[in-house]
Amino acid sequence: MADSQTLAARLKERFADNLVSCSVDLGEVTLEVPAADISDVCTVLRNDAELGFEILIDLCGVDYSAYGLTEWDTDETTDTGFSRGVSRSLPGKSLENTKDAGKPRFAVVYHLLSIANNHRLRVCAYPESSEFPIIDSVHAIWSGVDWFEREAFDLYGIVFEGHPDLRRILSDYGFIGHPFRKDYPLSGHVEMRYDADKGRVIYQPVSIEPRVLVPRVIREDHRYHDDQAGEESSNA
């Protein structure tokens, strides 16, 4: 924990002009910077001898458009099951009524490692546009980010400006939409099948009927608390 606090203090000092926030939770340091500064900040994180984050372990996108919406949470169960489907449009800016209120819909999260200094760091930036999120690529800083940025582009539609080969990596070339966005339907828009008459694979509107999701039932009794269950087992 002391090392995490020391790292956080160093980051606050070094990035005083580029810092949105820097926090330590459960021994993990999270640095939030403006999206416009991500390239400059990451260059310093790699090159500064006291920081020395020479490895980017992972990069991922986040869509906060359903963050904090809990209409499926319930404390009750029934004998016949649930049938309360919810149809709603997701807000463009989704962190309303949270500690992060006012931030854009999408975030890009970078997980960094310094082997020399034995430090780990999470860096977070929010591209400004909620409809067409764009952020600078860090490919020139850590070339291993190549596929990670392509994945975030494919699944979330986040554009990494300056990436040398920004193409879909999991979906096919003709795929429409970005499947990890919260407003993308679970059943998708189209499905493909082999057409014997045409002798090739074709696309057609999805034939799967939307299903009603099962709410998350919040259990409060002792069966769902490991500590109490452990005490009962030992007493028995």
Protein backbone atom coordinates (compact mmCIF):
# COMPACT_ATOMS: atom_id res chain seq x y z
CA MET A 1 0.00 0.00 0.00
CA ALA A 2 2.85 2.35 0.84
CA ASP A 3 4.31 1.81 -2.63
CA SER A 4 0.96 2.64 -4.19
CA GLN A 5 0.70 5.84 -2.20
CA THR A 6 4.25 6.79 -3.19
CA LEU A 7 3.46 6.17 -6.86
CA ALA A 8 0.26 8.20 -6.61
CA ALA A 9 2.14 11.10 -5.05
CA ARG A 10 4.76 10.96 -7.80
CA LEU A 11 2.05 10.95 -10.50
CA LYS A 12 0.25 13.93 -8.97
CA GLU A 13 3.52 15.85 -8.89
CA ARG A 14 4.59 14.90 -12.40
CA PHE A 15 1.22 15.45 -14.09
CA ALA A 16 -0.06 18.43 -12.15
CA ASP A 17 -0.99 20.18 -15.41
CA ASN A 18 -2.54 17.11 -17.10
CA LEU A 19 -4.38 15.51 -14.22
CA VAL A 20 -8.11 14.98 -13.80
CA SER A 21 -7.77 12.68 -10.79
CA CYS A 22 -5.42 10.18 -9.18
CA SER A 23 -6.73 7.70 -6.63
CA VAL A 24 -5.64 4.61 -4.71
CA ASP A 25 -8.24 1.92 -4.05
CA LEU A 26 -7.38 -1.50 -2.62
CA GLY A 27 -3.73 -0.80 -3.33
CA GLU A 28 -4.34 -0.06 -7.02
CA VAL A 29 -3.53 3.33 -8.54
CA THR A 30 -5.86 4.86 -11.13
CA LEU A 31 -4.80 7.93 -13.10
CA GLU A 32 -7.41 9.84 -15.10
CA VAL A 33 -6.19 12.31 -17.72
CA PRO A 34 -7.89 14.32 -20.49
CA ALA A 35 -8.25 12.35 -23.72
CA ALA A 36 -6.42 15.11 -25.60
CA ASP A 37 -3.32 14.55 -23.43
CA ILE A 38 -3.19 10.76 -23.55
CA SER A 39 -0.26 10.53 -25.98
CA ASP A 40 1.91 13.02 -24.06
CA VAL A 41 1.09 11.42 -20.70
CA CYS A 42 1.80 7.90 -21.90
CA THR A 43 5.13 8.99 -23.40
CA VAL A 44 6.20 10.33 -20.02
CA LEU A 45 4.92 7.24 -18.21
CA ARG A 46 7.16 5.09 -20.39
CA ASN A 47 10.26 7.32 -20.52
CA ASP A 48 10.45 8.81 -17.02
CA ALA A 49 13.03 6.79 -15.07
CA GLU A 50 11.06 7.00 -11.80
CA LEU A 51 7.95 5.69 -13.52
CA GLY A 52 9.29 3.46 -16.29
CA PHE A 53 6.09 1.78 -17.50
CA GLU A 54 7.71 -0.09 -20.34
CA ILE A 55 4.88 -2.58 -20.83
CA LEU A 56 1.23 -2.04 -21.75
CA ILE A 57 -0.54 -5.17 -20.49
CA ASP A 58 -4.01 -4.38 -21.77
CA LEU A 59 -6.27 -1.72 -23.28
CA CYS A 60 -10.04 -1.90 -23.25
CA GLY A 61 -13.08 0.23 -23.97
CA VAL A 62 -15.96 0.90 -21.58
CA ASP A 63 -19.51 1.98 -22.41
CA TYR A 64 -21.15 3.67 -19.43
CA SER A 65 -24.53 4.16 -21.10
CA ALA A 66 -26.32 1.78 -18.71
CA TYR A 67 -24.22 2.60 -15.66
CA GLY A 68 -26.26 2.85 -12.48
CA LEU A 69 -29.52 1.65 -14.09
CA THR A 70 -30.87 -1.08 -11.80
CA GLU A 71 -34.46 -1.62 -12.92
CA TRP A 72 -33.79 -5.37 -12.95
CA ASP A 73 -32.74 -5.50 -9.28
CA THR A 74 -35.38 -6.92 -6.95
CA ASP A 75 -35.67 -8.32 -3.44
CA GLU A 76 -38.61 -10.58 -4.29
CA THR A 77 -39.09 -13.86 -6.13
CA THR A 78 -42.20 -15.51 -7.54
CA ASP A 79 -43.46 -19.05 -8.06
CA THR A 80 -44.28 -18.39 -11.71
CA GLY A 81 -41.19 -16.48 -12.81
CA PHE A 82 -40.75 -12.98 -14.18
CA SER A 83 -42.16 -11.41 -17.31
CA ARG A 84 -41.47 -7.72 -16.85
CA GLY A 85 -39.57 -6.84 -19.98
CA VAL A 86 -38.07 -3.38 -20.08
CA SER A 87 -37.93 -1.27 -23.21
CA ARG A 88 -35.89 1.88 -22.85
CA SER A 89 -33.56 4.12 -24.79
CA LEU A 90 -30.14 4.57 -23.27
CA PRO A 91 -28.98 8.11 -22.50
CA GLY A 92 -26.16 9.59 -24.54
CA LYS A 93 -24.30 10.64 -21.43
CA SER A 94 -24.76 7.98 -18.87
CA LEU A 95 -23.04 8.87 -15.63
CA GLU A 96 -25.89 11.07 -14.44
CA ASN A 97 -26.54 10.83 -10.70
CA THR A 98 -23.14 9.26 -10.05
CA LYS A 99 -19.84 10.56 -8.75
CA ASP A 100 -18.68 10.78 -12.39
CA ALA A 101 -21.66 12.84 -13.55
CA GLY A 102 -21.05 14.94 -16.65
CA LYS A 103 -18.43 12.68 -18.24
CA PRO A 104 -18.84 11.32 -21.79
CA ARG A 105 -20.30 7.91 -22.49
CA PHE A 106 -17.12 6.05 -23.49
CA ALA A 107 -13.82 5.51 -21.72
CA VAL A 108 -10.52 3.95 -22.74
CA VAL A 109 -8.61 2.16 -19.99
CA TYR A 110 -4.89 1.33 -20.14
CA HIS A 111 -3.19 -1.17 -17.79
CA LEU A 112 0.54 -0.56 -17.47
CA LEU A 113 3.42 -2.40 -15.82
CA SER A 114 6.86 -1.24 -14.77
CA ILE A 115 9.13 -4.24 -14.28
CA ALA A 116 12.10 -2.10 -13.24
CA ASN A 117 10.13 -0.32 -10.49
CA ASN A 118 7.61 -3.11 -9.73
CA HIS A 119 4.61 -0.81 -10.23
CA ARG A 120 1.26 -1.28 -11.90
CA LEU A 121 -0.99 1.54 -13.06
CA ARG A 122 -4.43 1.99 -14.53
CA VAL A 123 -4.85 5.02 -16.82
CA CYS A 124 -8.32 6.18 -17.85
CA ALA A 125 -9.39 8.75 -20.47
CA TYR A 126 -12.82 9.74 -21.78
CA PRO A 127 -13.08 10.62 -25.49
CA GLU A 128 -15.24 13.73 -25.77
CA SER A 129 -17.84 12.60 -28.30
CA SER A 130 -20.48 10.12 -27.17
CA GLU A 131 -21.52 9.40 -30.77
CA PHE A 132 -18.14 9.19 -32.50
CA PRO A 133 -15.43 8.71 -29.84
CA ILE A 134 -11.88 9.49 -31.02
CA ILE A 135 -8.62 9.31 -29.10
CA ASP A 136 -4.95 9.25 -30.10
CA SER A 137 -3.38 5.84 -30.63
CA VAL A 138 -0.50 4.87 -28.34
CA HIS A 139 0.87 2.43 -30.93
CA ALA A 140 4.03 4.52 -31.37
CA ILE A 141 4.66 4.23 -27.61
CA TRP A 142 3.79 0.56 -27.06
CA SER A 143 3.58 -1.34 -30.33
CA GLY A 144 1.96 -4.29 -28.56
CA VAL A 145 -1.25 -2.27 -28.28
CA ASP A 146 -1.98 -2.95 -31.96
CA TRP A 147 -4.61 -5.67 -31.51
CA PHE A 148 -6.03 -4.15 -28.31
CA GLU A 149 -6.90 -0.90 -30.10
CA ARG A 150 -8.37 -2.83 -33.02
CA GLU A 151 -10.52 -4.81 -30.60
CA ALA A 152 -11.83 -1.66 -28.88
CA PHE A 153 -12.54 -0.16 -32.31
CA ASP A 154 -14.40 -3.28 -33.42
CA LEU A 155 -16.48 -3.81 -30.29
CA TYR A 156 -17.08 -0.21 -29.14
CA GLY A 157 -16.50 1.94 -32.23
CA ILE A 158 -13.72 3.92 -30.55
CA VAL A 159 -11.42 5.36 -33.23
CA PHE A 160 -7.70 5.43 -32.40
CA GLU A 161 -6.24 8.22 -34.49
CA GLY A 162 -2.79 7.39 -35.82
CA HIS A 163 -3.17 3.62 -35.61
CA PRO A 164 -1.33 2.11 -38.61
CA ASP A 165 -3.97 -0.51 -39.47
CA LEU A 166 -7.27 0.13 -37.70
CA ARG A 167 -9.54 -2.70 -38.91
CA ARG A 168 -12.06 -4.97 -37.25
CA ILE A 169 -10.40 -7.93 -35.58
CA LEU A 170 -13.25 -10.12 -34.27
CA SER A 171 -16.22 -9.21 -36.49
CA ASP A 172 -16.19 -9.74 -40.23
CA TYR A 173 -15.60 -6.94 -42.72
CA GLY A 174 -19.29 -6.45 -43.54
CA PHE A 175 -20.44 -6.33 -39.90
CA ILE A 176 -22.67 -3.37 -39.03
CA GLY A 177 -22.53 -1.81 -35.58
CA HIS A 178 -20.41 -2.42 -32.51
CA PRO A 179 -21.58 -5.38 -30.41
CA PHE A 180 -20.24 -4.30 -27.00
CA ARG A 181 -22.14 -1.02 -27.03
CA LYS A 182 -24.96 -1.18 -24.48
CA ASP A 183 -27.57 -0.17 -27.04
CA TYR A 184 -26.66 -3.06 -29.37
CA PRO A 185 -29.39 -5.77 -29.24
CA LEU A 186 -28.42 -9.07 -27.66
CA SER A 187 -29.72 -10.99 -30.67
CA GLY A 188 -27.95 -8.71 -33.15
CA HIS A 189 -29.40 -7.20 -36.32
CA VAL A 190 -28.65 -9.92 -38.89
CA GLU A 191 -27.76 -13.58 -39.03
CA MET A 192 -26.00 -15.59 -41.71
CA ARG A 193 -26.71 -18.99 -43.21
CA TYR A 194 -25.68 -21.05 -46.18
CA ASP A 195 -28.05 -20.71 -49.14
CA ALA A 196 -28.01 -23.90 -51.20
CA ASP A 197 -29.62 -22.23 -54.20
CA LYS A 198 -27.06 -19.44 -54.34
CA GLY A 199 -24.21 -21.66 -53.27
CA ARG A 200 -22.86 -19.20 -50.73
CA VAL A 201 -23.34 -17.75 -47.28
CA ILE A 202 -25.97 -14.97 -47.12
CA TYR A 203 -27.13 -12.49 -44.52
CA GLN A 204 -30.76 -12.11 -43.48
CA PRO A 205 -32.66 -10.28 -40.71
CA VAL A 206 -32.22 -12.03 -37.39
CA SER A 207 -34.94 -14.60 -36.70
CA ILE A 208 -34.34 -14.96 -32.96
CA GLU A 209 -37.21 -13.56 -30.92
CA PRO A 210 -36.09 -11.16 -28.18
CA ARG A 211 -36.27 -12.87 -24.79
CA VAL A 212 -37.14 -11.31 -21.48
CA LEU A 213 -34.13 -11.04 -19.23
CA VAL A 214 -34.25 -12.48 -15.74
CA PRO A 215 -33.89 -9.87 -12.98
CA ARG A 216 -31.05 -10.07 -10.50
CA VAL A 217 -32.60 -11.16 -7.22
CA ILE A 218 -30.73 -9.75 -4.23
CA ARG A 219 -30.47 -12.38 -1.51
CA GLU A 220 -30.02 -11.19 2.06
CA ASP A 221 -30.46 -14.41 4.08
CA HIS A 222 -27.61 -16.37 5.62
CA ARG A 223 -27.33 -18.90 2.77
CA TYR A 224 -25.61 -16.27 0.62
CA HIS A 225 -23.07 -15.01 3.17
CA ASP A 226 -19.90 -17.13 3.26
CA ASP A 227 -18.83 -15.91 6.68
CA GLN A 228 -22.07 -16.97 8.35
CA ALA A 229 -22.15 -20.23 6.41
CA GLY A 230 -18.62 -20.95 7.61
CA GLU A 231 -19.57 -20.29 11.21
CA GLU A 232 -22.55 -22.67 10.98
CA SER A 233 -20.36 -25.40 9.47
CA SER A 234 -17.79 -25.07 12.24
CA ASN A 235 -20.47 -25.11 14.96
CA ALA A 236 -21.99 -28.25 13.46
